[in-house]
Amino acid sequence: MKQTILVVEDDKMIRELIRIYLKKAGYEVVEAADGEEAKEVFLTNHPCLIILDLMLPKISGEEFCTWVRAQERNEVSIIMLSAKSRTEDKVKGLKIGADDYLVKPFEPEELLAHIEAVLRRTGQFCQKITHDGLCIKPRKGEVLLFDKEIPLTKHEFNLLFYFMENPNTVISRGNLMDQLYPYADKLVLDRTIDAHIKKLRKKIEENPAEPKRIVTVRGMGYKFVTE
């Protein structure tokens, strides 16, 4: 599971430079050019770290940072980027919720070092799989849909986790039964799998009657769609 980093920066050249270096370092990268866009991207992608420019259009970096920290699940780490180098500016940034503060201009290698240092402290929160607002945290046993917790049974959770670990792959009922119920009666479980998927769709699909995430592949099984 790759760690997802949200880059919030209105300067396109700086944003692209950061994205190139982060991808080379093995991170998943999502981007936003202003504070309003950043809110939408944050809720959709559940990043584990945010690189946040303070001088943003529409909503300032400080306002966005405060908004993030007001969310119910705010374990995400934040590294602020700013041309403001005074001690009082750094202190203010840290007080409103930043984990680190980096002054512009900076070298990409310096930013990577700061990211690695922050994630050494907070990386355990990055064990997650995310797609289009749906986020599963296997270590914490949580499922979020656009940052709202979705209560699942043990079997529903395991089923969703298996699907999200194997995206865009047709999985037969037999395979699902072998993964989730290796010692149970197959005739009973053939219907049980269908029942679990029906209940799961009601919790994660916008329209369970026309599912977009977990789709049925006739005569073959099911597929968790991300493409």
Protein backbone atom coordinates (compact mmCIF):
# COMPACT_ATOMS: atom_id res chain seq x y z
CA MET A 1 0.00 0.00 0.00
CA LYS A 2 1.57 3.25 -1.15
CA GLN A 3 1.34 6.32 1.04
CA THR A 4 -0.75 9.14 -0.46
CA ILE A 5 0.43 12.74 -0.25
CA LEU A 6 -1.73 15.75 -1.09
CA VAL A 7 0.20 18.70 -2.57
CA VAL A 8 -1.65 22.00 -2.16
CA GLU A 9 0.23 24.66 -4.12
CA ASP A 10 -1.06 27.36 -6.50
CA ASP A 11 2.25 27.67 -8.38
CA LYS A 12 1.98 25.06 -11.13
CA MET A 13 5.75 24.72 -11.67
CA ILE A 14 6.44 24.16 -7.97
CA ARG A 15 3.53 21.72 -7.74
CA GLU A 16 4.77 19.69 -10.71
CA LEU A 17 8.34 19.65 -9.37
CA ILE A 18 7.14 18.32 -6.01
CA ARG A 19 4.96 15.72 -7.74
CA ILE A 20 7.86 14.44 -9.85
CA TYR A 21 10.14 14.00 -6.84
CA LEU A 22 7.45 12.39 -4.69
CA LYS A 23 6.51 9.88 -7.39
CA LYS A 24 10.18 8.99 -7.87
CA ALA A 25 10.35 8.39 -4.12
CA GLY A 26 7.44 5.93 -4.37
CA TYR A 27 4.54 8.01 -3.08
CA GLU A 28 1.05 8.35 -4.54
CA VAL A 29 0.41 12.04 -5.27
CA VAL A 30 -2.83 14.02 -5.51
CA GLU A 31 -2.90 17.76 -6.12
CA ALA A 32 -4.90 20.93 -5.55
CA ALA A 33 -4.26 24.49 -6.72
CA ASP A 34 -6.36 26.31 -4.10
CA GLY A 35 -7.94 25.78 -0.71
CA GLU A 36 -11.43 24.97 -1.98
CA GLU A 37 -10.17 22.30 -4.35
CA ALA A 38 -7.96 20.94 -1.57
CA LYS A 39 -11.03 20.23 0.61
CA GLU A 40 -12.62 18.12 -2.12
CA VAL A 41 -9.39 16.25 -2.87
CA PHE A 42 -8.81 15.65 0.84
CA LEU A 43 -12.24 14.08 1.37
CA THR A 44 -11.98 11.98 -1.77
CA ASN A 45 -8.45 10.62 -1.33
CA HIS A 46 -7.82 10.47 2.44
CA PRO A 47 -4.10 11.39 2.20
CA CYS A 48 -1.76 10.51 5.04
CA LEU A 49 0.28 13.70 4.59
CA ILE A 50 -0.40 17.17 3.18
CA ILE A 51 2.22 19.53 1.76
CA LEU A 52 0.53 22.89 2.20
CA ASP A 53 1.45 26.25 0.73
CA LEU A 54 0.20 29.08 2.93
CA MET A 55 -0.40 31.72 0.23
CA LEU A 56 -3.38 30.17 -1.58
CA PRO A 57 -6.30 31.68 -3.52
CA LYS A 58 -9.92 31.33 -2.32
CA ILE A 59 -9.03 29.74 1.03
CA SER A 60 -5.68 30.41 2.68
CA GLY A 61 -3.34 27.68 3.82
CA GLU A 62 -3.97 28.62 7.43
CA GLU A 63 -7.74 28.33 6.97
CA PHE A 64 -7.40 24.99 5.22
CA CYS A 65 -5.12 23.67 7.97
CA THR A 66 -7.64 24.72 10.61
CA TRP A 67 -10.43 23.03 8.62
CA VAL A 68 -8.47 19.78 8.38
CA ARG A 69 -7.81 19.74 12.10
CA ALA A 70 -11.53 20.27 12.75
CA GLN A 71 -12.44 17.08 10.89
CA GLU A 72 -13.43 14.05 12.93
CA ARG A 73 -10.45 12.03 11.70
CA ASN A 74 -7.54 14.42 11.53
CA GLU A 75 -4.54 12.12 12.01
CA VAL A 76 -3.17 13.34 8.65
CA SER A 77 0.24 15.02 8.89
CA ILE A 78 0.78 18.54 7.52
CA ILE A 79 4.00 20.16 6.31
CA MET A 80 3.60 23.87 5.64
CA LEU A 81 5.53 25.64 2.89
CA SER A 82 5.95 29.39 3.10
CA ALA A 83 8.22 32.26 2.11
CA LYS A 84 7.64 33.64 5.60
CA SER A 85 10.76 32.86 7.58
CA ARG A 86 10.18 34.76 10.82
CA THR A 87 10.06 32.73 14.01
CA GLU A 88 6.59 34.02 14.86
CA ASP A 89 5.26 32.77 11.49
CA LYS A 90 6.67 29.30 12.10
CA VAL A 91 5.25 29.22 15.63
CA LYS A 92 1.83 30.30 14.35
CA GLY A 93 1.85 27.54 11.71
CA LEU A 94 2.75 24.88 14.26
CA LYS A 95 0.15 26.13 16.72
CA ILE A 96 -2.73 25.88 14.24
CA GLY A 97 -1.90 22.27 13.44
CA ALA A 98 1.17 21.84 11.24
CA ASP A 99 3.59 19.03 12.04
CA ASP A 100 6.49 20.73 10.29
CA TYR A 101 7.32 24.04 8.59
CA LEU A 102 9.62 24.50 5.60
CA VAL A 103 10.72 27.88 4.26
CA LYS A 104 10.77 28.65 0.53
CA PRO A 105 12.89 28.36 -1.50
CA PHE A 106 13.86 24.79 -0.67
CA GLU A 107 15.62 21.89 -2.35
CA PRO A 108 13.43 18.88 -3.27
CA GLU A 109 15.79 16.59 -1.35
CA GLU A 110 15.23 18.75 1.74
CA LEU A 111 11.46 18.38 1.39
CA LEU A 112 11.79 14.61 1.02
CA ALA A 113 13.88 14.47 4.19
CA HIS A 114 11.19 16.40 6.08
CA ILE A 115 8.49 14.07 4.74
CA GLU A 116 10.43 10.98 5.80
CA ALA A 117 11.00 12.44 9.26
CA VAL A 118 7.30 13.25 9.75
CA LEU A 119 6.16 9.86 8.45
CA ARG A 120 8.50 8.06 10.83
CA ARG A 121 6.34 9.50 13.59
CA THR A 122 2.93 9.22 11.92
CA GLY A 123 3.33 6.58 9.21
CA GLN A 124 1.22 4.02 11.05
CA PHE A 125 -1.83 6.09 10.09
CA CYS A 126 -1.03 5.59 6.39
CA GLN A 127 -1.94 1.92 6.27
CA LYS A 128 -4.99 2.35 4.09
CA ILE A 129 -6.44 1.71 0.64
CA THR A 130 -8.46 4.49 -0.95
CA HIS A 131 -10.54 4.93 -4.06
CA ASP A 132 -12.98 7.71 -4.92
CA GLY A 133 -13.79 8.68 -1.34
CA LEU A 134 -13.90 5.10 -0.04
CA CYS A 135 -11.10 4.36 2.41
CA ILE A 136 -10.35 1.16 4.33
CA LYS A 137 -7.87 1.07 7.21
CA PRO A 138 -7.08 -2.59 7.87
CA ARG A 139 -5.03 -2.04 11.02
CA LYS A 140 -7.67 0.15 12.64
CA GLY A 141 -10.64 -1.82 11.31
CA GLU A 142 -12.25 1.32 9.90
CA VAL A 143 -14.04 2.11 6.66
CA LEU A 144 -14.70 5.72 5.69
CA LEU A 145 -16.82 7.10 2.87
CA PHE A 146 -15.95 10.75 2.21
CA ASP A 147 -14.58 10.94 5.77
CA LYS A 148 -17.71 9.49 7.42
CA GLU A 149 -17.29 6.14 9.16
CA ILE A 150 -19.29 3.27 7.67
CA PRO A 151 -20.13 0.51 10.18
CA LEU A 152 -19.46 -2.94 8.73
CA THR A 153 -19.71 -6.42 10.14
CA LYS A 154 -16.55 -8.52 10.33
CA HIS A 155 -17.48 -10.44 7.17
CA GLU A 156 -18.40 -7.27 5.26
CA PHE A 157 -15.11 -5.66 6.28
CA ASN A 158 -13.05 -8.68 5.21
CA LEU A 159 -14.95 -8.89 1.94
CA LEU A 160 -14.38 -5.22 1.13
CA PHE A 161 -10.71 -5.43 2.10
CA TYR A 162 -10.21 -8.39 -0.24
CA PHE A 163 -11.94 -6.57 -3.07
CA MET A 164 -9.91 -3.38 -2.58
CA GLU A 165 -6.66 -5.36 -2.42
CA ASN A 166 -7.54 -6.87 -5.80
CA PRO A 167 -9.05 -4.02 -7.85
CA ASN A 168 -10.33 -4.50 -11.42
CA THR A 169 -10.01 -8.26 -11.07
CA VAL A 170 -12.91 -10.66 -11.54
CA ILE A 171 -13.25 -12.74 -8.38
CA SER A 172 -15.44 -15.82 -8.42
CA ARG A 173 -17.81 -16.73 -5.62
CA GLY A 174 -15.68 -19.83 -5.04
CA ASN A 175 -12.59 -17.70 -4.57
CA LEU A 176 -14.39 -15.38 -2.18
CA MET A 177 -15.61 -18.36 -0.19
CA ASP A 178 -12.11 -19.85 -0.03
CA GLN A 179 -10.72 -16.53 1.20
CA LEU A 180 -13.40 -15.72 3.76
CA TYR A 181 -14.85 -19.08 4.78
CA PRO A 182 -12.24 -21.75 4.01
CA TYR A 183 -13.81 -24.43 6.23
CA ALA A 184 -17.53 -23.84 5.72
CA ASP A 185 -20.20 -25.53 3.62
CA LYS A 186 -19.93 -24.24 0.06
CA LEU A 187 -23.60 -24.69 -0.79
CA VAL A 188 -24.66 -22.51 2.12
CA LEU A 189 -22.00 -19.90 1.50
CA ASP A 190 -22.78 -19.45 -2.18
CA ARG A 191 -25.94 -17.65 -1.08
CA THR A 192 -24.20 -16.06 1.91
CA ILE A 193 -21.62 -14.30 -0.27
CA ASP A 194 -24.39 -12.79 -2.39
CA ALA A 195 -26.18 -11.63 0.77
CA HIS A 196 -23.02 -10.00 2.15
CA ILE A 197 -22.38 -8.19 -1.12
CA LYS A 198 -25.97 -6.95 -1.25
CA LYS A 199 -25.63 -5.51 2.28
CA LEU A 200 -22.18 -4.07 1.50
CA ARG A 201 -23.51 -2.31 -1.59
CA LYS A 202 -26.23 -0.65 0.48
CA LYS A 203 -23.52 0.89 2.64
CA ILE A 204 -20.95 2.01 0.03
CA GLU A 205 -22.82 2.50 -3.24
CA GLU A 206 -24.60 5.71 -4.18
CA ASN A 207 -27.28 3.60 -5.86
CA PRO A 208 -27.13 -0.04 -4.69
CA ALA A 209 -29.49 -1.07 -7.50
CA GLU A 210 -26.92 0.15 -10.04
CA PRO A 211 -23.57 -0.44 -8.31
CA LYS A 212 -20.46 1.31 -9.61
CA ARG A 213 -17.88 0.00 -7.12
CA ILE A 214 -18.66 -3.71 -6.73
CA VAL A 215 -20.12 -4.90 -10.01
CA THR A 216 -21.43 -8.32 -11.02
CA VAL A 217 -19.67 -10.05 -13.91
CA ARG A 218 -22.32 -12.45 -15.16
CA GLY A 219 -21.33 -16.08 -15.03
CA MET A 220 -17.94 -15.24 -13.47
CA GLY A 221 -18.31 -13.42 -10.14
CA TYR A 222 -17.69 -9.90 -8.90
CA LYS A 223 -15.22 -7.09 -9.52
CA PHE A 224 -14.20 -4.00 -7.54
CA VAL A 225 -13.95 -1.28 -10.19
CA THR A 226 -11.44 1.57 -10.00
CA GLU A 227 -10.91 2.23 -13.70
